[in-house]
Amino acid sequence: MISSDSMRGYNDTLVLSLLVNQDSYGYEISQRITEMTGGTYSIKETTLYSTFTRLEKQGYISSYEGTVTQGRRRMYYTITQEGRVYYKEKCEEWGQIKDVIDIFTKETTHATDY
């Protein structure tokens, strides 16, 4: 299981990636993250909703009321054009971060230093 501390900077990217092709609601997004990671990462409800709040304040997503489920109106989220641009930037940034981390985590690098 990956710690939430390790994923903190990437929750925006995960949420935006799931909204690129279709609108969705919190529980569905949470379940898709868990499913797509094979259970390796499960986002906490408070983390997810603070991510929604942050992304909405920044103009990267917007919300609207959808269907009524169990007496409550479900809140849906959709990505904005600004969100699509931001998502692309985050994907490019991830590629750079991954390249840097790969330098320090390859098995052959510093293998004799342990």
PDB file of N, CA and C in Angstrom:
ATOM      1  N   MET A   1       0.847  -1.176   0.000  1.00  0.00           N
ATOM      2  CA  MET A   1       0.000   0.000   0.000  1.00  0.00           C
ATOM      3  C   MET A   1       0.891   1.237   0.000  1.00  0.00           C
ATOM      4  N   ILE A   2       0.604   2.156  -0.896  1.00  0.00           N
ATOM      5  CA  ILE A   2       1.351   3.407  -0.995  1.00  0.00           C
ATOM      6  C   ILE A   2       0.785   4.394   0.019  1.00  0.00           C
ATOM      7  N   SER A   3       1.657   5.083   0.722  1.00  0.00           N
ATOM      8  CA  SER A   3       1.196   6.046   1.730  1.00  0.00           C
ATOM      9  C   SER A   3       0.602   7.280   1.065  1.00  0.00           C
ATOM     10  N   SER A   4      -0.355   7.885   1.741  1.00  0.00           N
ATOM     11  CA  SER A   4      -0.984   9.100   1.212  1.00  0.00           C
ATOM     12  C   SER A   4       0.025  10.240   1.151  1.00  0.00           C
ATOM     13  N   ASP A   5       1.029  10.227   2.044  1.00  0.00           N
ATOM     14  CA  ASP A   5       2.071  11.257   2.001  1.00  0.00           C
ATOM     15  C   ASP A   5       2.844  11.201   0.691  1.00  0.00           C
ATOM     16  N   SER A   6       3.132   9.997   0.227  1.00  0.00           N
ATOM     17  CA  SER A   6       3.863   9.832  -1.030  1.00  0.00           C
ATOM     18  C   SER A   6       3.054  10.316  -2.226  1.00  0.00           C
ATOM     19  N   MET A   7       1.743  10.194  -2.148  1.00  0.00           N
ATOM     20  CA  MET A   7       0.867  10.525  -3.271  1.00  0.00           C
ATOM     21  C   MET A   7       0.335  11.954  -3.229  1.00  0.00           C
ATOM     22  N   ARG A   8       0.584  12.665  -2.165  1.00  0.00           N
ATOM     23  CA  ARG A   8      -0.019  13.981  -1.953  1.00  0.00           C
ATOM     24  C   ARG A   8       0.062  14.888  -3.178  1.00  0.00           C
ATOM     25  N   GLY A   9       1.185  14.993  -3.790  1.00  0.00           N
ATOM     26  CA  GLY A   9       1.349  15.893  -4.926  1.00  0.00           C
ATOM     27  C   GLY A   9       0.765  15.383  -6.225  1.00  0.00           C
ATOM     28  N   TYR A  10       0.250  14.171  -6.223  1.00  0.00           N
ATOM     29  CA  TYR A  10      -0.226  13.563  -7.470  1.00  0.00           C
ATOM     30  C   TYR A  10      -1.732  13.350  -7.502  1.00  0.00           C
ATOM     31  N   ASN A  11      -2.427  13.626  -6.407  1.00  0.00           N
ATOM     32  CA  ASN A  11      -3.871  13.421  -6.382  1.00  0.00           C
ATOM     33  C   ASN A  11      -4.589  14.266  -7.430  1.00  0.00           C
ATOM     34  N   ASP A  12      -4.129  15.491  -7.656  1.00  0.00           N
ATOM     35  CA  ASP A  12      -4.731  16.333  -8.691  1.00  0.00           C
ATOM     36  C   ASP A  12      -4.648  15.631 -10.045  1.00  0.00           C
ATOM     37  N   THR A  13      -3.489  15.087 -10.350  1.00  0.00           N
ATOM     38  CA  THR A  13      -3.285  14.416 -11.630  1.00  0.00           C
ATOM     39  C   THR A  13      -4.193  13.198 -11.764  1.00  0.00           C
ATOM     40  N   LEU A  14      -4.319  12.416 -10.697  1.00  0.00           N
ATOM     41  CA  LEU A  14      -5.180  11.236 -10.743  1.00  0.00           C
ATOM     42  C   LEU A  14      -6.629  11.633 -11.015  1.00  0.00           C
ATOM     43  N   VAL A  15      -7.121  12.611 -10.283  1.00  0.00           N
ATOM     44  CA  VAL A  15      -8.511  13.040 -10.440  1.00  0.00           C
ATOM     45  C   VAL A  15      -8.742  13.611 -11.836  1.00  0.00           C
ATOM     46  N   LEU A  16      -7.861  14.491 -12.273  1.00  0.00           N
ATOM     47  CA  LEU A  16      -8.027  15.084 -13.601  1.00  0.00           C
ATOM     48  C   LEU A  16      -7.982  14.027 -14.701  1.00  0.00           C
ATOM     49  N   SER A  17      -7.118  13.030 -14.536  1.00  0.00           N
ATOM     50  CA  SER A  17      -7.029  11.986 -15.566  1.00  0.00           C
ATOM     51  C   SER A  17      -8.344  11.233 -15.706  1.00  0.00           C
ATOM     52  N   LEU A  18      -9.057  11.055 -14.590  1.00  0.00           N
ATOM     53  CA  LEU A  18     -10.330  10.342 -14.631  1.00  0.00           C
ATOM     54  C   LEU A  18     -11.462  11.224 -15.168  1.00  0.00           C
ATOM     55  N   LEU A  19     -11.279  12.521 -15.145  1.00  0.00           N
ATOM     56  CA  LEU A  19     -12.303  13.434 -15.649  1.00  0.00           C
ATOM     57  C   LEU A  19     -12.077  13.852 -17.095  1.00  0.00           C
ATOM     58  N   VAL A  20     -10.930  13.512 -17.656  1.00  0.00           N
ATOM     59  CA  VAL A  20     -10.622  13.917 -19.028  1.00  0.00           C
ATOM     60  C   VAL A  20     -11.665  13.382 -20.013  1.00  0.00           C
ATOM     61  N   ASN A  21     -12.103  12.155 -19.839  1.00  0.00           N
ATOM     62  CA  ASN A  21     -13.015  11.539 -20.795  1.00  0.00           C
ATOM     63  C   ASN A  21     -14.476  11.532 -20.370  1.00  0.00           C
ATOM     64  N   GLN A  22     -14.730  11.689 -19.074  1.00  0.00           N
ATOM     65  CA  GLN A  22     -16.120  11.699 -18.622  1.00  0.00           C
ATOM     66  C   GLN A  22     -16.258  12.334 -17.256  1.00  0.00           C
ATOM     67  N   ASP A  23     -17.402  12.959 -17.040  1.00  0.00           N
ATOM     68  CA  ASP A  23     -17.716  13.519 -15.731  1.00  0.00           C
ATOM     69  C   ASP A  23     -17.920  12.374 -14.755  1.00  0.00           C
ATOM     70  N   SER A  24     -17.699  12.649 -13.483  1.00  0.00           N
ATOM     71  CA  SER A  24     -17.857  11.603 -12.488  1.00  0.00           C
ATOM     72  C   SER A  24     -18.137  12.225 -11.128  1.00  0.00           C
ATOM     73  N   TYR A  25     -18.423  11.384 -10.156  1.00  0.00           N
ATOM     74  CA  TYR A  25     -18.703  11.822  -8.793  1.00  0.00           C
ATOM     75  C   TYR A  25     -17.689  11.180  -7.842  1.00  0.00           C
ATOM     76  N   GLY A  26     -17.620  11.708  -6.633  1.00  0.00           N
ATOM     77  CA  GLY A  26     -16.573  11.342  -5.684  1.00  0.00           C
ATOM     78  C   GLY A  26     -16.394   9.859  -5.443  1.00  0.00           C
ATOM     79  N   TYR A  27     -17.470   9.166  -5.084  1.00  0.00           N
ATOM     80  CA  TYR A  27     -17.340   7.748  -4.759  1.00  0.00           C
ATOM     81  C   TYR A  27     -16.832   6.956  -5.959  1.00  0.00           C
ATOM     82  N   GLU A  28     -17.345   7.260  -7.144  1.00  0.00           N
ATOM     83  CA  GLU A  28     -16.911   6.549  -8.350  1.00  0.00           C
ATOM     84  C   GLU A  28     -15.426   6.798  -8.623  1.00  0.00           C
ATOM     85  N   ILE A  29     -14.980   8.032  -8.456  1.00  0.00           N
ATOM     86  CA  ILE A  29     -13.568   8.366  -8.662  1.00  0.00           C
ATOM     87  C   ILE A  29     -12.704   7.613  -7.664  1.00  0.00           C
ATOM     88  N   SER A  30     -13.119   7.600  -6.421  1.00  0.00           N
ATOM     89  CA  SER A  30     -12.381   6.872  -5.387  1.00  0.00           C
ATOM     90  C   SER A  30     -12.266   5.393  -5.732  1.00  0.00           C
ATOM     91  N   GLN A  31     -13.367   4.797  -6.143  1.00  0.00           N
ATOM     92  CA  GLN A  31     -13.371   3.372  -6.490  1.00  0.00           C
ATOM     93  C   GLN A  31     -12.516   3.085  -7.707  1.00  0.00           C
ATOM     94  N   ARG A  32     -12.545   3.968  -8.688  1.00  0.00           N
ATOM     95  CA  ARG A  32     -11.733   3.767  -9.894  1.00  0.00           C
ATOM     96  C   ARG A  32     -10.244   3.854  -9.582  1.00  0.00           C
ATOM     97  N   ILE A  33      -9.862   4.774  -8.693  1.00  0.00           N
ATOM     98  CA  ILE A  33      -8.451   4.881  -8.306  1.00  0.00           C
ATOM     99  C   ILE A  33      -8.001   3.588  -7.643  1.00  0.00           C
ATOM    100  N   THR A  34      -8.790   3.092  -6.707  1.00  0.00           N
ATOM    101  CA  THR A  34      -8.450   1.846  -6.018  1.00  0.00           C
ATOM    102  C   THR A  34      -8.377   0.690  -7.007  1.00  0.00           C
ATOM    103  N   GLU A  35      -9.353   0.613  -7.889  1.00  0.00           N
ATOM    104  CA  GLU A  35      -9.406  -0.469  -8.878  1.00  0.00           C
ATOM    105  C   GLU A  35      -8.239  -0.407  -9.858  1.00  0.00           C
ATOM    106  N   MET A  36      -7.983   0.776 -10.392  1.00  0.00           N
ATOM    107  CA  MET A  36      -6.924   0.925 -11.396  1.00  0.00           C
ATOM    108  C   MET A  36      -5.534   0.675 -10.829  1.00  0.00           C
ATOM    109  N   THR A  37      -5.361   0.899  -9.521  1.00  0.00           N
ATOM    110  CA  THR A  37      -4.054   0.662  -8.893  1.00  0.00           C
ATOM    111  C   THR A  37      -3.968  -0.733  -8.287  1.00  0.00           C
ATOM    112  N   GLY A  38      -4.988  -1.537  -8.509  1.00  0.00           N
ATOM    113  CA  GLY A  38      -4.990  -2.883  -7.943  1.00  0.00           C
ATOM    114  C   GLY A  38      -4.983  -2.865  -6.428  1.00  0.00           C
ATOM    115  N   GLY A  39      -5.518  -1.798  -5.835  1.00  0.00           N
ATOM    116  CA  GLY A  39      -5.561  -1.681  -4.386  1.00  0.00           C
ATOM    117  C   GLY A  39      -4.280  -1.149  -3.775  1.00  0.00           C
ATOM    118  N   THR A  40      -3.294  -0.832  -4.601  1.00  0.00           N
ATOM    119  CA  THR A  40      -2.033  -0.303  -4.102  1.00  0.00           C
ATOM    120  C   THR A  40      -2.204   1.085  -3.510  1.00  0.00           C
ATOM    121  N   TYR A  41      -3.153   1.844  -4.049  1.00  0.00           N
ATOM    122  CA  TYR A  41      -3.442   3.173  -3.518  1.00  0.00           C
ATOM    123  C   TYR A  41      -4.945   3.344  -3.399  1.00  0.00           C
ATOM    124  N   SER A  42      -5.367   3.745  -2.234  1.00  0.00           N
ATOM    125  CA  SER A  42      -6.770   4.021  -1.960  1.00  0.00           C
ATOM    126  C   SER A  42      -6.842   5.427  -1.382  1.00  0.00           C
ATOM    127  N   ILE A  43      -7.487   6.334  -2.080  1.00  0.00           N
ATOM    128  CA  ILE A  43      -7.537   7.730  -1.641  1.00  0.00           C
ATOM    129  C   ILE A  43      -8.585   7.881  -0.538  1.00  0.00           C
ATOM    130  N   LYS A  44      -8.210   8.580   0.513  1.00  0.00           N
ATOM    131  CA  LYS A  44      -9.137   8.816   1.620  1.00  0.00           C
ATOM    132  C   LYS A  44     -10.184   9.844   1.202  1.00  0.00           C
ATOM    133  N   GLU A  45     -11.370   9.708   1.764  1.00  0.00           N
ATOM    134  CA  GLU A  45     -12.477  10.605   1.404  1.00  0.00           C
ATOM    135  C   GLU A  45     -12.121  12.066   1.658  1.00  0.00           C
ATOM    136  N   THR A  46     -11.515  12.355   2.806  1.00  0.00           N
ATOM    137  CA  THR A  46     -11.158  13.746   3.110  1.00  0.00           C
ATOM    138  C   THR A  46     -10.124  14.284   2.117  1.00  0.00           C
ATOM    139  N   THR A  47      -9.190  13.442   1.720  1.00  0.00           N
ATOM    140  CA  THR A  47      -8.177  13.844   0.735  1.00  0.00           C
ATOM    141  C   THR A  47      -8.828  14.116  -0.610  1.00  0.00           C
ATOM    142  N   LEU A  48      -9.745  13.250  -1.011  1.00  0.00           N
ATOM    143  CA  LEU A  48     -10.424  13.409  -2.294  1.00  0.00           C
ATOM    144  C   LEU A  48     -11.221  14.708  -2.334  1.00  0.00           C
ATOM    145  N   TYR A  49     -11.985  14.967  -1.291  1.00  0.00           N
ATOM    146  CA  TYR A  49     -12.818  16.175  -1.304  1.00  0.00           C
ATOM    147  C   TYR A  49     -11.996  17.448  -1.148  1.00  0.00           C
ATOM    148  N   SER A  50     -10.872  17.392  -0.474  1.00  0.00           N
ATOM    149  CA  SER A  50     -10.007  18.578  -0.444  1.00  0.00           C
ATOM    150  C   SER A  50      -9.359  18.784  -1.817  1.00  0.00           C
ATOM    151  N   THR A  51      -9.115  17.699  -2.529  1.00  0.00           N
ATOM    152  CA  THR A  51      -8.603  17.796  -3.908  1.00  0.00           C
ATOM    153  C   THR A  51      -9.648  18.453  -4.799  1.00  0.00           C
ATOM    154  N   PHE A  52     -10.907  18.019  -4.680  1.00  0.00           N
ATOM    155  CA  PHE A  52     -11.981  18.645  -5.460  1.00  0.00           C
ATOM    156  C   PHE A  52     -12.073  20.138  -5.161  1.00  0.00           C
ATOM    157  N   THR A  53     -12.038  20.491  -3.895  1.00  0.00           N
ATOM    158  CA  THR A  53     -12.147  21.901  -3.491  1.00  0.00           C
ATOM    159  C   THR A  53     -11.009  22.721  -4.083  1.00  0.00           C
ATOM    160  N   ARG A  54      -9.796  22.215  -3.970  1.00  0.00           N
ATOM    161  CA  ARG A  54      -8.621  22.924  -4.492  1.00  0.00           C
ATOM    162  C   ARG A  54      -8.718  23.098  -6.012  1.00  0.00           C
ATOM    163  N   LEU A  55      -9.045  22.006  -6.715  1.00  0.00           N
ATOM    164  CA  LEU A  55      -9.136  22.060  -8.176  1.00  0.00           C
ATOM    165  C   LEU A  55     -10.247  23.006  -8.638  1.00  0.00           C
ATOM    166  N   GLU A  56     -11.343  23.018  -7.892  1.00  0.00           N
ATOM    167  CA  GLU A  56     -12.452  23.899  -8.261  1.00  0.00           C
ATOM    168  C   GLU A  56     -12.082  25.361  -8.020  1.00  0.00           C
ATOM    169  N   LYS A  57     -11.425  25.658  -6.908  1.00  0.00           N
ATOM    170  CA  LYS A  57     -10.987  27.033  -6.622  1.00  0.00           C
ATOM    171  C   LYS A  57     -10.016  27.545  -7.680  1.00  0.00           C
ATOM    172  N   GLN A  58      -9.191  26.626  -8.201  1.00  0.00           N
ATOM    173  CA  GLN A  58      -8.204  27.008  -9.213  1.00  0.00           C
ATOM    174  C   GLN A  58      -8.815  27.071 -10.619  1.00  0.00           C
ATOM    175  N   GLY A  59     -10.071  26.680 -10.750  1.00  0.00           N
ATOM    176  CA  GLY A  59     -10.740  26.738 -12.045  1.00  0.00           C
ATOM    177  C   GLY A  59     -10.460  25.543 -12.941  1.00  0.00           C
ATOM    178  N   TYR A  60      -9.907  24.457 -12.384  1.00  0.00           N
ATOM    179  CA  TYR A  60      -9.563  23.287 -13.183  1.00  0.00           C
ATOM    180  C   TYR A  60     -10.708  22.302 -13.323  1.00  0.00           C
ATOM    181  N   ILE A  61     -11.655  22.355 -12.406  1.00  0.00           N
ATOM    182  CA  ILE A  61     -12.859  21.540 -12.502  1.00  0.00           C
ATOM    183  C   ILE A  61     -14.043  22.406 -12.087  1.00  0.00           C
ATOM    184  N   SER A  62     -15.222  21.947 -12.450  1.00  0.00           N
ATOM    185  CA  SER A  62     -16.443  22.564 -11.937  1.00  0.00           C
ATOM    186  C   SER A  62     -17.371  21.435 -11.518  1.00  0.00           C
ATOM    187  N   SER A  63     -18.350  21.784 -10.684  1.00  0.00           N
ATOM    188  CA  SER A  63     -19.252  20.761 -10.166  1.00  0.00           C
ATOM    189  C   SER A  63     -20.690  21.124 -10.510  1.00  0.00           C
ATOM    190  N   TYR A  64     -21.513  20.096 -10.531  1.00  0.00           N
ATOM    191  CA  TYR A  64     -22.944  20.298 -10.759  1.00  0.00           C
ATOM    192  C   TYR A  64     -23.695  19.153 -10.095  1.00  0.00           C
ATOM    193  N   GLU A  65     -24.938  19.434  -9.741  1.00  0.00           N
ATOM    194  CA  GLU A  65     -25.754  18.411  -9.103  1.00  0.00           C
ATOM    195  C   GLU A  65     -26.277  17.454 -10.161  1.00  0.00           C
ATOM    196  N   GLY A  66     -26.233  16.174  -9.819  1.00  0.00           N
ATOM    197  CA  GLY A  66     -26.698  15.154 -10.734  1.00  0.00           C
ATOM    198  C   GLY A  66     -27.877  14.404 -10.173  1.00  0.00           C
ATOM    199  N   THR A  67     -27.854  13.118 -10.326  1.00  0.00           N
ATOM    200  CA  THR A  67     -28.968  12.264  -9.925  1.00  0.00           C
ATOM    201  C   THR A  67     -29.117  12.173  -8.417  1.00  0.00           C
ATOM    202  N   VAL A  68     -30.317  11.841  -7.997  1.00  0.00           N
ATOM    203  CA  VAL A  68     -30.586  11.632  -6.579  1.00  0.00           C
ATOM    204  C   VAL A  68     -30.358  10.157  -6.270  1.00  0.00           C
ATOM    205  N   THR A  69     -29.514   9.896  -5.270  1.00  0.00           N
ATOM    206  CA  THR A  69     -29.223   8.535  -4.841  1.00  0.00           C
ATOM    207  C   THR A  69     -29.401   8.460  -3.341  1.00  0.00           C
ATOM    208  N   GLN A  70     -30.209   7.528  -2.897  1.00  0.00           N
ATOM    209  CA  GLN A  70     -30.485   7.333  -1.472  1.00  0.00           C
ATOM    210  C   GLN A  70     -30.885   8.649  -0.794  1.00  0.00           C
ATOM    211  N   GLY A  71     -31.736   9.400  -1.480  1.00  0.00           N
ATOM    212  CA  GLY A  71     -32.248  10.633  -0.904  1.00  0.00           C
ATOM    213  C   GLY A  71     -31.330  11.835  -0.989  1.00  0.00           C
ATOM    214  N   ARG A  72     -30.128  11.641  -1.512  1.00  0.00           N
ATOM    215  CA  ARG A  72     -29.165  12.749  -1.627  1.00  0.00           C
ATOM    216  C   ARG A  72     -28.851  13.007  -3.094  1.00  0.00           C
ATOM    217  N   ARG A  73     -28.690  14.265  -3.419  1.00  0.00           N
ATOM    218  CA  ARG A  73     -28.311  14.617  -4.782  1.00  0.00           C
ATOM    219  C   ARG A  73     -26.805  14.423  -4.922  1.00  0.00           C
ATOM    220  N   ARG A  74     -26.430  13.668  -5.921  1.00  0.00           N
ATOM    221  CA  ARG A  74     -25.021  13.352  -6.158  1.00  0.00           C
ATOM    222  C   ARG A  74     -24.342  14.528  -6.858  1.00  0.00           C
ATOM    223  N   MET A  75     -23.146  14.919  -6.386  1.00  0.00           N
ATOM    224  CA  MET A  75     -22.383  16.013  -6.977  1.00  0.00           C
ATOM    225  C   MET A  75     -21.414  15.432  -8.015  1.00  0.00           C
ATOM    226  N   TYR A  76     -21.511  15.924  -9.235  1.00  0.00           N
ATOM    227  CA  TYR A  76     -20.636  15.488 -10.320  1.00  0.00           C
ATOM    228  C   TYR A  76     -19.577  16.551 -10.578  1.00  0.00           C
ATOM    229  N   TYR A  77     -18.456  16.097 -11.090  1.00  0.00           N
ATOM    230  CA  TYR A  77     -17.347  16.986 -11.407  1.00  0.00           C
ATOM    231  C   TYR A  77     -16.996  16.843 -12.877  1.00  0.00           C
ATOM    232  N   THR A  78     -16.627  17.954 -13.486  1.00  0.00           N
ATOM    233  CA  THR A  78     -16.229  17.978 -14.882  1.00  0.00           C
ATOM    234  C   THR A  78     -14.951  18.806 -15.008  1.00  0.00           C
ATOM    235  N   ILE A  79     -14.097  18.428 -15.922  1.00  0.00           N
ATOM    236  CA  ILE A  79     -12.837  19.152 -16.120  1.00  0.00           C
ATOM    237  C   ILE A  79     -13.088  20.344 -17.039  1.00  0.00           C
ATOM    238  N   THR A  80     -12.458  21.462 -16.752  1.00  0.00           N
ATOM    239  CA  THR A  80     -12.573  22.659 -17.582  1.00  0.00           C
ATOM    240  C   THR A  80     -11.436  22.666 -18.609  1.00  0.00           C
ATOM    241  N   GLN A  81     -11.490  23.604 -19.519  1.00  0.00           N
ATOM    242  CA  GLN A  81     -10.408  23.730 -20.502  1.00  0.00           C
ATOM    243  C   GLN A  81      -9.094  24.046 -19.781  1.00  0.00           C
ATOM    244  N   GLU A  82      -9.161  24.909 -18.762  1.00  0.00           N
ATOM    245  CA  GLU A  82      -7.962  25.226 -17.980  1.00  0.00           C
ATOM    246  C   GLU A  82      -7.435  23.967 -17.290  1.00  0.00           C
ATOM    247  N   GLY A  83      -8.346  23.123 -16.848  1.00  0.00           N
ATOM    248  CA  GLY A  83      -7.969  21.859 -16.218  1.00  0.00           C
ATOM    249  C   GLY A  83      -7.275  20.925 -17.178  1.00  0.00           C
ATOM    250  N   ARG A  84      -7.720  20.924 -18.423  1.00  0.00           N
ATOM    251  CA  ARG A  84      -7.072  20.082 -19.442  1.00  0.00           C
ATOM    252  C   ARG A  84      -5.637  20.537 -19.692  1.00  0.00           C
ATOM    253  N   VAL A  85      -5.432  21.842 -19.732  1.00  0.00           N
ATOM    254  CA  VAL A  85      -4.082  22.401 -19.911  1.00  0.00           C
ATOM    255  C   VAL A  85      -3.218  22.035 -18.705  1.00  0.00           C
ATOM    256  N   TYR A  86      -3.770  22.222 -17.506  1.00  0.00           N
ATOM    257  CA  TYR A  86      -3.039  21.895 -16.275  1.00  0.00           C
ATOM    258  C   TYR A  86      -2.704  20.408 -16.221  1.00  0.00           C
ATOM    259  N   TYR A  87      -3.640  19.552 -16.602  1.00  0.00           N
ATOM    260  CA  TYR A  87      -3.407  18.112 -16.613  1.00  0.00           C
ATOM    261  C   TYR A  87      -2.247  17.761 -17.551  1.00  0.00           C
ATOM    262  N   LYS A  88      -2.226  18.364 -18.716  1.00  0.00           N
ATOM    263  CA  LYS A  88      -1.133  18.116 -19.667  1.00  0.00           C
ATOM    264  C   LYS A  88       0.210  18.541 -19.062  1.00  0.00           C
ATOM    265  N   GLU A  89       0.222  19.699 -18.398  1.00  0.00           N
ATOM    266  CA  GLU A  89       1.444  20.175 -17.744  1.00  0.00           C
ATOM    267  C   GLU A  89       1.898  19.204 -16.657  1.00  0.00           C
ATOM    268  N   LYS A  90       0.937  18.702 -15.861  1.00  0.00           N
ATOM    269  CA  LYS A  90       1.273  17.756 -14.787  1.00  0.00           C
ATOM    270  C   LYS A  90       1.824  16.454 -15.363  1.00  0.00           C
ATOM    271  N   CYS A  91       1.310  16.010 -16.492  1.00  0.00           N
ATOM    272  CA  CYS A  91       1.819  14.790 -17.128  1.00  0.00           C
ATOM    273  C   CYS A  91       3.259  14.991 -17.603  1.00  0.00           C
ATOM    274  N   GLU A  92       3.526  16.143 -18.184  1.00  0.00           N
ATOM    275  CA  GLU A  92       4.893  16.451 -18.626  1.00  0.00           C
ATOM    276  C   GLU A  92       5.828  16.540 -17.423  1.00  0.00           C
ATOM    277  N   GLU A  93       5.359  17.186 -16.358  1.00  0.00           N
ATOM    278  CA  GLU A  93       6.143  17.302 -15.135  1.00  0.00           C
ATOM    279  C   GLU A  93       6.452  15.916 -14.567  1.00  0.00           C
ATOM    280  N   TRP A  94       5.451  15.027 -14.566  1.00  0.00           N
ATOM    281  CA  TRP A  94       5.659  13.669 -14.053  1.00  0.00           C
ATOM    282  C   TRP A  94       6.770  12.962 -14.827  1.00  0.00           C
ATOM    283  N   GLY A  95       6.793  13.118 -16.133  1.00  0.00           N
ATOM    284  CA  GLY A  95       7.843  12.496 -16.937  1.00  0.00           C
ATOM    285  C   GLY A  95       9.224  12.953 -16.489  1.00  0.00           C
ATOM    286  N   GLN A  96       9.352  14.236 -16.196  1.00  0.00           N
ATOM    287  CA  GLN A  96      10.626  14.773 -15.727  1.00  0.00           C
ATOM    288  C   GLN A  96      10.969  14.244 -14.339  1.00  0.00           C
ATOM    289  N   ILE A  97       9.972  14.219 -13.446  1.00  0.00           N
ATOM    290  CA  ILE A  97      10.196  13.716 -12.085  1.00  0.00           C
ATOM    291  C   ILE A  97      10.615  12.250 -12.138  1.00  0.00           C
ATOM    292  N   LYS A  98       9.923  11.474 -12.936  1.00  0.00           N
ATOM    293  CA  LYS A  98      10.227  10.050 -13.058  1.00  0.00           C
ATOM    294  C   LYS A  98      11.657   9.843 -13.558  1.00  0.00           C
ATOM    295  N   ASP A  99      12.065  10.633 -14.550  1.00  0.00           N
ATOM    296  CA  ASP A  99      13.434  10.521 -15.067  1.00  0.00           C
ATOM    297  C   ASP A  99      14.460  10.793 -13.975  1.00  0.00           C
ATOM    298  N   VAL A 100      14.216  11.806 -13.152  1.00  0.00           N
ATOM    299  CA  VAL A 100      15.147  12.143 -12.068  1.00  0.00           C
ATOM    300  C   VAL A 100      15.177  11.024 -11.025  1.00  0.00           C
ATOM    301  N   ILE A 101      14.026  10.563 -10.584  1.00  0.00           N
ATOM    302  CA  ILE A 101      13.967   9.515  -9.558  1.00  0.00           C
ATOM    303  C   ILE A 101      14.579   8.214 -10.085  1.00  0.00           C
ATOM    304  N   ASP A 102      14.347   7.909 -11.353  1.00  0.00           N
ATOM    305  CA  ASP A 102      14.927   6.695 -11.949  1.00  0.00           C
ATOM    306  C   ASP A 102      16.454   6.695 -11.859  1.00  0.00           C
ATOM    307  N   ILE A 103      17.058   7.853 -11.952  1.00  0.00           N
ATOM    308  CA  ILE A 103      18.516   7.948 -11.849  1.00  0.00           C
ATOM    309  C   ILE A 103      18.998   7.403 -10.507  1.00  0.00           C
ATOM    310  N   PHE A 104      18.231   7.664  -9.469  1.00  0.00           N
ATOM    311  CA  PHE A 104      18.651   7.300  -8.119  1.00  0.00           C
ATOM    312  C   PHE A 104      18.102   5.976  -7.618  1.00  0.00           C
ATOM    313  N   THR A 105      17.194   5.371  -8.355  1.00  0.00           N
ATOM    314  CA  THR A 105      16.577   4.144  -7.852  1.00  0.00           C
ATOM    315  C   THR A 105      16.841   2.911  -8.704  1.00  0.00           C
ATOM    316  N   LYS A 106      17.599   3.024  -9.747  1.00  0.00           N
ATOM    317  CA  LYS A 106      17.915   1.843 -10.560  1.00  0.00           C
ATOM    318  C   LYS A 106      18.781   0.901  -9.755  1.00  0.00           C
ATOM    319  N   GLU A 107      18.495  -0.380  -9.887  1.00  0.00           N
ATOM    320  CA  GLU A 107      19.219  -1.376  -9.102  1.00  0.00           C
ATOM    321  C   GLU A 107      20.728  -1.341  -9.340  1.00  0.00           C
ATOM    322  N   THR A 108      21.141  -1.052 -10.539  1.00  0.00           N
ATOM    323  CA  THR A 108      22.563  -1.064 -10.833  1.00  0.00           C
ATOM    324  C   THR A 108      23.274   0.177 -10.300  1.00  0.00           C
ATOM    325  N   THR A 109      22.521   1.246 -10.048  1.00  0.00           N
ATOM    326  CA  THR A 109      23.122   2.461  -9.512  1.00  0.00           C
ATOM    327  C   THR A 109      23.426   2.285  -8.043  1.00  0.00           C
ATOM    328  N   HIS A 110      24.649   2.505  -7.662  1.00  0.00           N
ATOM    329  CA  HIS A 110      25.073   2.472  -6.266  1.00  0.00           C
ATOM    330  C   HIS A 110      24.806   1.127  -5.574  1.00  0.00           C
ATOM    331  N   ALA A 111      24.687   0.057  -6.314  1.00  0.00           N
ATOM    332  CA  ALA A 111      24.356  -1.245  -5.733  1.00  0.00           C
ATOM    333  C   ALA A 111      25.393  -1.685  -4.711  1.00  0.00           C
ATOM    334  N   THR A 112      26.639  -1.302  -4.896  1.00  0.00           N
ATOM    335  CA  THR A 112      27.676  -1.725  -3.960  1.00  0.00           C
ATOM    336  C   THR A 112      27.788  -0.802  -2.762  1.00  0.00           C
ATOM    337  N   ASP A 113      27.025   0.285  -2.764  1.00  0.00           N
ATOM    338  CA  ASP A 113      27.088   1.234  -1.651  1.00  0.00           C
ATOM    339  C   ASP A 113      26.221   0.839  -0.473  1.00  0.00           C
ATOM    340  N   TYR A 114      25.455  -0.258  -0.584  1.00  0.00           N
ATOM    341  CA  TYR A 114      24.539  -0.626   0.500  1.00  0.00           C
ATOM    342  C   TYR A 114      25.209  -1.408   1.550  1.00  0.00           C
TER     343      TYR A 114
END
